Amino acid sequence: MQKKLDAFKELLVIMDELREKCPWDKKQTIETLRKLTIEETYELGDAILKNDFDEIKKELGDLMLHVVFYAKIGSEKGEFDIADVLNGINKKLVYRHPHVFGDVDVDGSAKKVEENWEALKLKEKGGNRRVLEGVPVAMPALVKATRIQEKVSGVGFDWEYREQVWDKVKEEVNELGEEIEKMDNDKIEAEFGDLFFAMVNAARLYGVDPEAALERTNLKFTKRFNYLETETLQKGRSLHNMSLDEMNEIWEEAKKQD
């Protein structure tokens, strides 16, 4: 434990030095750091998808730097310091885990823990907290849809049986088809949104992270298309001058490489 405390203390000392002596660090604000923090978060996400623990360690370090940086700026403004940040999360974790630090029984159910977590969040702010209040507006749409559905499920607004979600998916597919026939672009967009939302819900119900699932397909498609492009160039040809059938032939070769 002391080794960990010493390492964290050293980071705080380094941050103090940087803030005082480095021209770049001195001029940073919470606003200028925001976009960098978002970038670092995505880089951590990439490392996690690759299951690269060395990279995960490095990216966690970058995020830790940002946490300390924000706390330093908060301290300079007399708003909060790193102790306030840590005390706040410590208090929250104890409060929201009564099955660990209290006498609440969840029967070893992770689902029950999630439900209790959301119920306790609603009791905060004098009981006036709305269910979806904690979903960031700026969150990417796919992740936001997942969090919205997780939160409403936490208060019981969910399908009784997960198989029921497929009727909703089929309904949205049919409604999309109807609007496509009418060629009303605004309504087509709306129905695409409904279909995506239903599919995200289905993924959640079957224990699949839709963001990870889609990124997995992105990576697979990219790998196959790169193979197609490489093979084409090696043959002295250009994709622009090839027929779709010719490209599909190489695409099938790419699929076999998987």
Protein backbone atom coordinates (compact mmCIF):
# COMPACT_ATOMS: atom_id res chain seq x y z
CA MET A 1 0.00 0.00 0.00
CA GLN A 2 2.81 2.45 0.90
CA LYS A 3 4.36 1.94 -2.55
CA LYS A 4 1.08 2.99 -4.15
CA LEU A 5 0.72 6.01 -1.89
CA ASP A 6 4.28 7.10 -2.64
CA ALA A 7 3.68 6.85 -6.39
CA PHE A 8 0.50 8.93 -6.13
CA LYS A 9 2.27 11.51 -3.95
CA GLU A 10 5.05 11.79 -6.54
CA LEU A 11 2.48 12.47 -9.28
CA LEU A 12 0.98 15.29 -7.20
CA VAL A 13 4.44 16.81 -6.64
CA ILE A 14 5.23 16.57 -10.36
CA MET A 15 1.90 18.25 -11.20
CA ASP A 16 2.70 21.12 -8.83
CA GLU A 17 6.08 21.57 -10.54
CA LEU A 18 4.63 21.46 -14.04
CA ARG A 19 1.90 23.95 -13.20
CA GLU A 20 4.48 26.38 -11.82
CA LYS A 21 7.32 26.00 -14.30
CA CYS A 22 6.05 24.61 -17.64
CA PRO A 23 4.68 27.27 -20.07
CA TRP A 24 2.25 24.81 -21.66
CA ASP A 25 0.93 23.36 -18.42
CA LYS A 26 0.60 26.80 -16.84
CA LYS A 27 -1.81 28.06 -19.50
CA GLN A 28 -4.16 25.05 -19.49
CA THR A 29 -7.76 25.39 -18.26
CA ILE A 30 -10.50 22.85 -17.67
CA GLU A 31 -11.91 23.88 -21.04
CA THR A 32 -8.67 23.30 -22.96
CA LEU A 33 -8.14 19.95 -21.23
CA ARG A 34 -11.62 18.69 -22.08
CA LYS A 35 -10.97 17.61 -25.67
CA LEU A 36 -7.67 16.03 -24.65
CA THR A 37 -9.39 14.03 -21.92
CA ILE A 38 -11.94 12.76 -24.43
CA GLU A 39 -9.11 11.72 -26.76
CA GLU A 40 -7.31 9.89 -23.95
CA THR A 41 -10.52 8.08 -23.03
CA TYR A 42 -10.92 6.82 -26.59
CA GLU A 43 -7.28 5.72 -26.64
CA LEU A 44 -7.93 3.72 -23.48
CA GLY A 45 -10.97 2.22 -25.17
CA ASP A 46 -8.84 1.17 -28.14
CA ALA A 47 -6.32 -0.49 -25.85
CA ILE A 48 -9.09 -2.36 -24.05
CA LEU A 49 -10.54 -3.64 -27.33
CA LYS A 50 -7.07 -4.90 -28.28
CA ASN A 51 -6.73 -6.53 -24.84
CA ASP A 52 -3.29 -4.89 -24.69
CA PHE A 53 -2.57 -4.59 -20.98
CA ASP A 54 0.68 -2.68 -21.49
CA GLU A 55 -1.19 -0.03 -23.46
CA ILE A 56 -4.06 -0.08 -20.97
CA LYS A 57 -1.56 0.68 -18.20
CA LYS A 58 -0.11 3.60 -20.17
CA GLU A 59 -3.50 5.06 -21.07
CA LEU A 60 -4.71 4.77 -17.48
CA GLY A 61 -1.64 6.78 -16.52
CA ASP A 62 -2.59 9.47 -19.02
CA LEU A 63 -6.12 9.62 -17.62
CA MET A 64 -4.79 9.75 -14.06
CA LEU A 65 -2.70 12.75 -15.09
CA HIS A 66 -5.85 14.47 -16.31
CA VAL A 67 -7.68 13.78 -13.03
CA VAL A 68 -4.79 15.30 -11.07
CA PHE A 69 -4.60 18.21 -13.53
CA TYR A 70 -8.28 19.09 -13.11
CA ALA A 71 -7.93 18.82 -9.32
CA LYS A 72 -4.90 21.14 -9.38
CA ILE A 73 -6.83 23.76 -11.35
CA GLY A 74 -9.79 23.35 -9.00
CA SER A 75 -7.47 23.92 -6.05
CA GLU A 76 -6.01 27.07 -7.61
CA LYS A 77 -9.52 28.43 -8.03
CA GLY A 78 -10.42 27.53 -4.44
CA GLU A 79 -13.17 25.17 -5.62
CA PHE A 80 -11.84 21.73 -4.68
CA ASP A 81 -8.61 19.74 -4.47
CA ILE A 82 -7.61 16.11 -5.03
CA ALA A 83 -8.60 15.21 -1.45
CA ASP A 84 -12.13 16.50 -2.11
CA VAL A 85 -12.29 14.43 -5.30
CA LEU A 86 -11.18 11.26 -3.53
CA ASN A 87 -13.33 11.83 -0.46
CA GLY A 88 -16.32 12.36 -2.72
CA ILE A 89 -15.91 9.10 -4.61
CA ASN A 90 -15.12 7.21 -1.40
CA LYS A 91 -18.32 8.43 0.21
CA LYS A 92 -20.34 7.63 -2.93
CA LEU A 93 -18.97 4.08 -3.19
CA VAL A 94 -19.75 3.29 0.44
CA TYR A 95 -23.25 4.77 0.13
CA ARG A 96 -24.08 2.94 -3.07
CA HIS A 97 -22.77 -0.44 -1.86
CA PRO A 98 -24.93 -1.12 1.20
CA HIS A 99 -24.61 -4.85 0.42
CA VAL A 100 -20.89 -4.51 1.16
CA PHE A 101 -20.75 -1.77 3.79
CA GLY A 102 -24.23 -2.28 5.24
CA ASP A 103 -26.79 -5.00 5.83
CA VAL A 104 -28.56 -5.10 2.45
CA ASP A 105 -28.83 -8.62 0.95
CA VAL A 106 -28.55 -8.97 -2.84
CA ASP A 107 -28.27 -12.79 -2.88
CA GLY A 108 -25.10 -12.60 -4.95
CA SER A 109 -27.02 -11.01 -7.84
CA ALA A 110 -25.16 -8.47 -9.97
CA LYS A 111 -28.51 -7.41 -11.45
CA LYS A 112 -29.83 -6.62 -7.98
CA VAL A 113 -26.71 -4.55 -7.29
CA GLU A 114 -27.40 -2.49 -10.42
CA GLU A 115 -31.02 -1.96 -9.42
CA ASN A 116 -30.02 -0.84 -5.92
CA TRP A 117 -27.37 1.48 -7.40
CA GLU A 118 -29.92 3.25 -9.59
CA ALA A 119 -32.48 3.41 -6.75
CA LEU A 120 -29.93 5.03 -4.44
CA LYS A 121 -28.96 7.55 -7.12
CA LEU A 122 -32.60 8.60 -7.37
CA LYS A 123 -32.67 9.32 -3.62
CA GLU A 124 -29.81 11.79 -3.99
CA LYS A 125 -30.43 15.50 -4.46
CA GLY A 126 -33.32 15.34 -2.01
CA GLY A 127 -35.10 12.66 -3.99
CA ASN A 128 -35.58 14.97 -6.97
CA ARG A 129 -33.08 13.30 -9.24
CA ARG A 130 -34.62 12.06 -12.49
CA VAL A 131 -33.82 8.60 -13.80
CA LEU A 132 -32.07 9.83 -16.96
CA GLU A 133 -30.52 12.93 -15.41
CA GLY A 134 -27.05 11.39 -15.20
CA VAL A 135 -26.74 10.58 -18.92
CA PRO A 136 -24.33 13.15 -20.44
CA VAL A 137 -25.77 15.13 -23.34
CA ALA A 138 -22.43 15.05 -25.19
CA MET A 139 -22.09 11.25 -24.95
CA PRO A 140 -21.88 9.47 -28.35
CA ALA A 141 -25.33 8.32 -29.47
CA LEU A 142 -24.63 4.57 -29.39
CA VAL A 143 -23.20 4.65 -25.88
CA LYS A 144 -25.95 7.04 -24.78
CA ALA A 145 -28.67 4.68 -26.03
CA THR A 146 -27.12 1.86 -24.01
CA ARG A 147 -26.95 3.93 -20.83
CA ILE A 148 -30.52 5.17 -21.26
CA GLN A 149 -31.79 1.62 -21.53
CA GLU A 150 -29.69 0.41 -18.61
CA LYS A 151 -31.01 3.19 -16.41
CA VAL A 152 -34.69 2.72 -17.20
CA SER A 153 -34.25 -1.03 -16.77
CA GLY A 154 -32.87 -0.31 -13.30
CA VAL A 155 -36.27 1.05 -12.24
CA GLY A 156 -38.21 -1.83 -13.82
CA PHE A 157 -39.04 -0.33 -17.23
CA ASP A 158 -37.99 -3.33 -19.28
CA TRP A 159 -39.26 -6.37 -21.15
CA GLU A 160 -40.60 -9.18 -18.98
CA TYR A 161 -38.76 -11.69 -21.17
CA ARG A 162 -35.84 -10.71 -23.35
CA GLU A 163 -37.23 -12.66 -26.32
CA GLN A 164 -40.02 -10.08 -26.54
CA VAL A 165 -37.58 -7.48 -27.84
CA TRP A 166 -37.45 -9.18 -31.24
CA ASP A 167 -41.09 -8.31 -31.92
CA LYS A 168 -40.12 -4.67 -31.40
CA VAL A 169 -37.13 -5.03 -33.74
CA LYS A 170 -39.37 -6.55 -36.44
CA GLU A 171 -41.92 -3.78 -35.92
CA GLU A 172 -39.24 -1.12 -36.43
CA VAL A 173 -37.91 -2.88 -39.55
CA ASN A 174 -41.42 -2.88 -41.03
CA GLU A 175 -42.00 0.77 -40.18
CA LEU A 176 -38.67 1.69 -41.75
CA GLY A 177 -39.65 -0.21 -44.90
CA GLU A 178 -42.92 1.70 -45.11
CA GLU A 179 -41.16 5.06 -44.91
CA ILE A 180 -38.55 4.02 -47.47
CA GLU A 181 -41.37 3.28 -49.91
CA LYS A 182 -42.70 6.82 -49.33
CA MET A 183 -39.17 8.29 -49.69
CA ASP A 184 -39.66 10.77 -46.87
CA ASN A 185 -36.06 11.36 -45.76
CA ASP A 186 -36.96 12.90 -42.42
CA LYS A 187 -39.18 9.98 -41.43
CA ILE A 188 -36.66 7.48 -42.82
CA GLU A 189 -34.04 8.96 -40.50
CA ALA A 190 -36.45 8.78 -37.56
CA GLU A 191 -37.24 5.13 -38.25
CA PHE A 192 -33.56 4.25 -38.64
CA GLY A 193 -33.07 5.77 -35.20
CA ASP A 194 -35.90 3.69 -33.76
CA LEU A 195 -34.45 0.55 -35.31
CA PHE A 196 -30.95 1.27 -33.98
CA PHE A 197 -32.40 1.94 -30.54
CA ALA A 198 -34.29 -1.36 -30.59
CA MET A 199 -31.16 -3.25 -31.68
CA VAL A 200 -29.11 -1.64 -28.92
CA ASN A 201 -31.79 -2.76 -26.48
CA ALA A 202 -31.64 -6.28 -27.85
CA ALA A 203 -27.87 -6.33 -27.48
CA ARG A 204 -28.18 -5.24 -23.86
CA LEU A 205 -30.72 -7.92 -23.08
CA TYR A 206 -28.39 -10.59 -24.47
CA GLY A 207 -25.36 -9.33 -22.59
CA VAL A 208 -23.63 -7.77 -25.59
CA ASP A 209 -21.97 -4.35 -25.53
CA PRO A 210 -23.21 -2.79 -28.80
CA GLU A 211 -20.28 -0.38 -28.96
CA ALA A 212 -17.79 -3.25 -28.71
CA ALA A 213 -19.79 -5.36 -31.15
CA LEU A 214 -19.89 -2.61 -33.78
CA GLU A 215 -16.20 -1.78 -33.32
CA ARG A 216 -15.41 -5.48 -33.74
CA THR A 217 -17.17 -5.39 -37.09
CA ASN A 218 -15.43 -2.11 -38.01
CA LEU A 219 -12.05 -3.72 -37.40
CA LYS A 220 -13.02 -6.86 -39.31
CA PHE A 221 -14.27 -4.87 -42.29
CA THR A 222 -11.15 -2.68 -42.28
CA LYS A 223 -8.88 -5.72 -42.23
CA ARG A 224 -10.71 -7.34 -45.14
CA PHE A 225 -10.85 -4.15 -47.18
CA ASN A 226 -7.14 -3.54 -46.63
CA TYR A 227 -6.51 -7.06 -47.93
CA LEU A 228 -8.64 -6.31 -50.98
CA GLU A 229 -6.76 -3.09 -51.66
CA THR A 230 -3.34 -4.65 -51.12
CA GLU A 231 -4.06 -7.59 -53.40
CA THR A 232 -5.39 -5.26 -56.07
CA LEU A 233 -2.31 -3.05 -56.00
CA GLN A 234 0.02 -6.07 -56.11
CA LYS A 235 -1.70 -7.09 -59.33
CA GLY A 236 -1.00 -3.66 -60.78
CA ARG A 237 -4.66 -2.71 -60.83
CA SER A 238 -6.86 -0.04 -59.28
CA LEU A 239 -10.11 -0.50 -57.36
CA HIS A 240 -11.58 2.32 -59.43
CA ASN A 241 -11.21 0.22 -62.59
CA MET A 242 -12.48 -3.09 -61.20
CA SER A 243 -15.99 -4.47 -61.38
CA LEU A 244 -17.89 -5.30 -58.21
CA ASP A 245 -17.71 -9.00 -59.08
CA GLU A 246 -13.90 -8.79 -59.32
CA MET A 247 -13.70 -7.04 -55.98
CA ASN A 248 -16.05 -9.56 -54.37
CA GLU A 249 -13.83 -12.41 -55.53
CA ILE A 250 -10.88 -10.97 -53.61
CA TRP A 251 -13.20 -10.07 -50.71
CA GLU A 252 -14.10 -13.74 -50.35
CA GLU A 253 -10.38 -14.53 -50.20
CA ALA A 254 -10.06 -11.93 -47.41
CA LYS A 255 -12.85 -13.63 -45.46
CA LYS A 256 -10.95 -16.92 -45.60
CA GLN A 257 -7.92 -15.21 -44.08
CA ASP A 258 -9.96 -14.67 -40.89
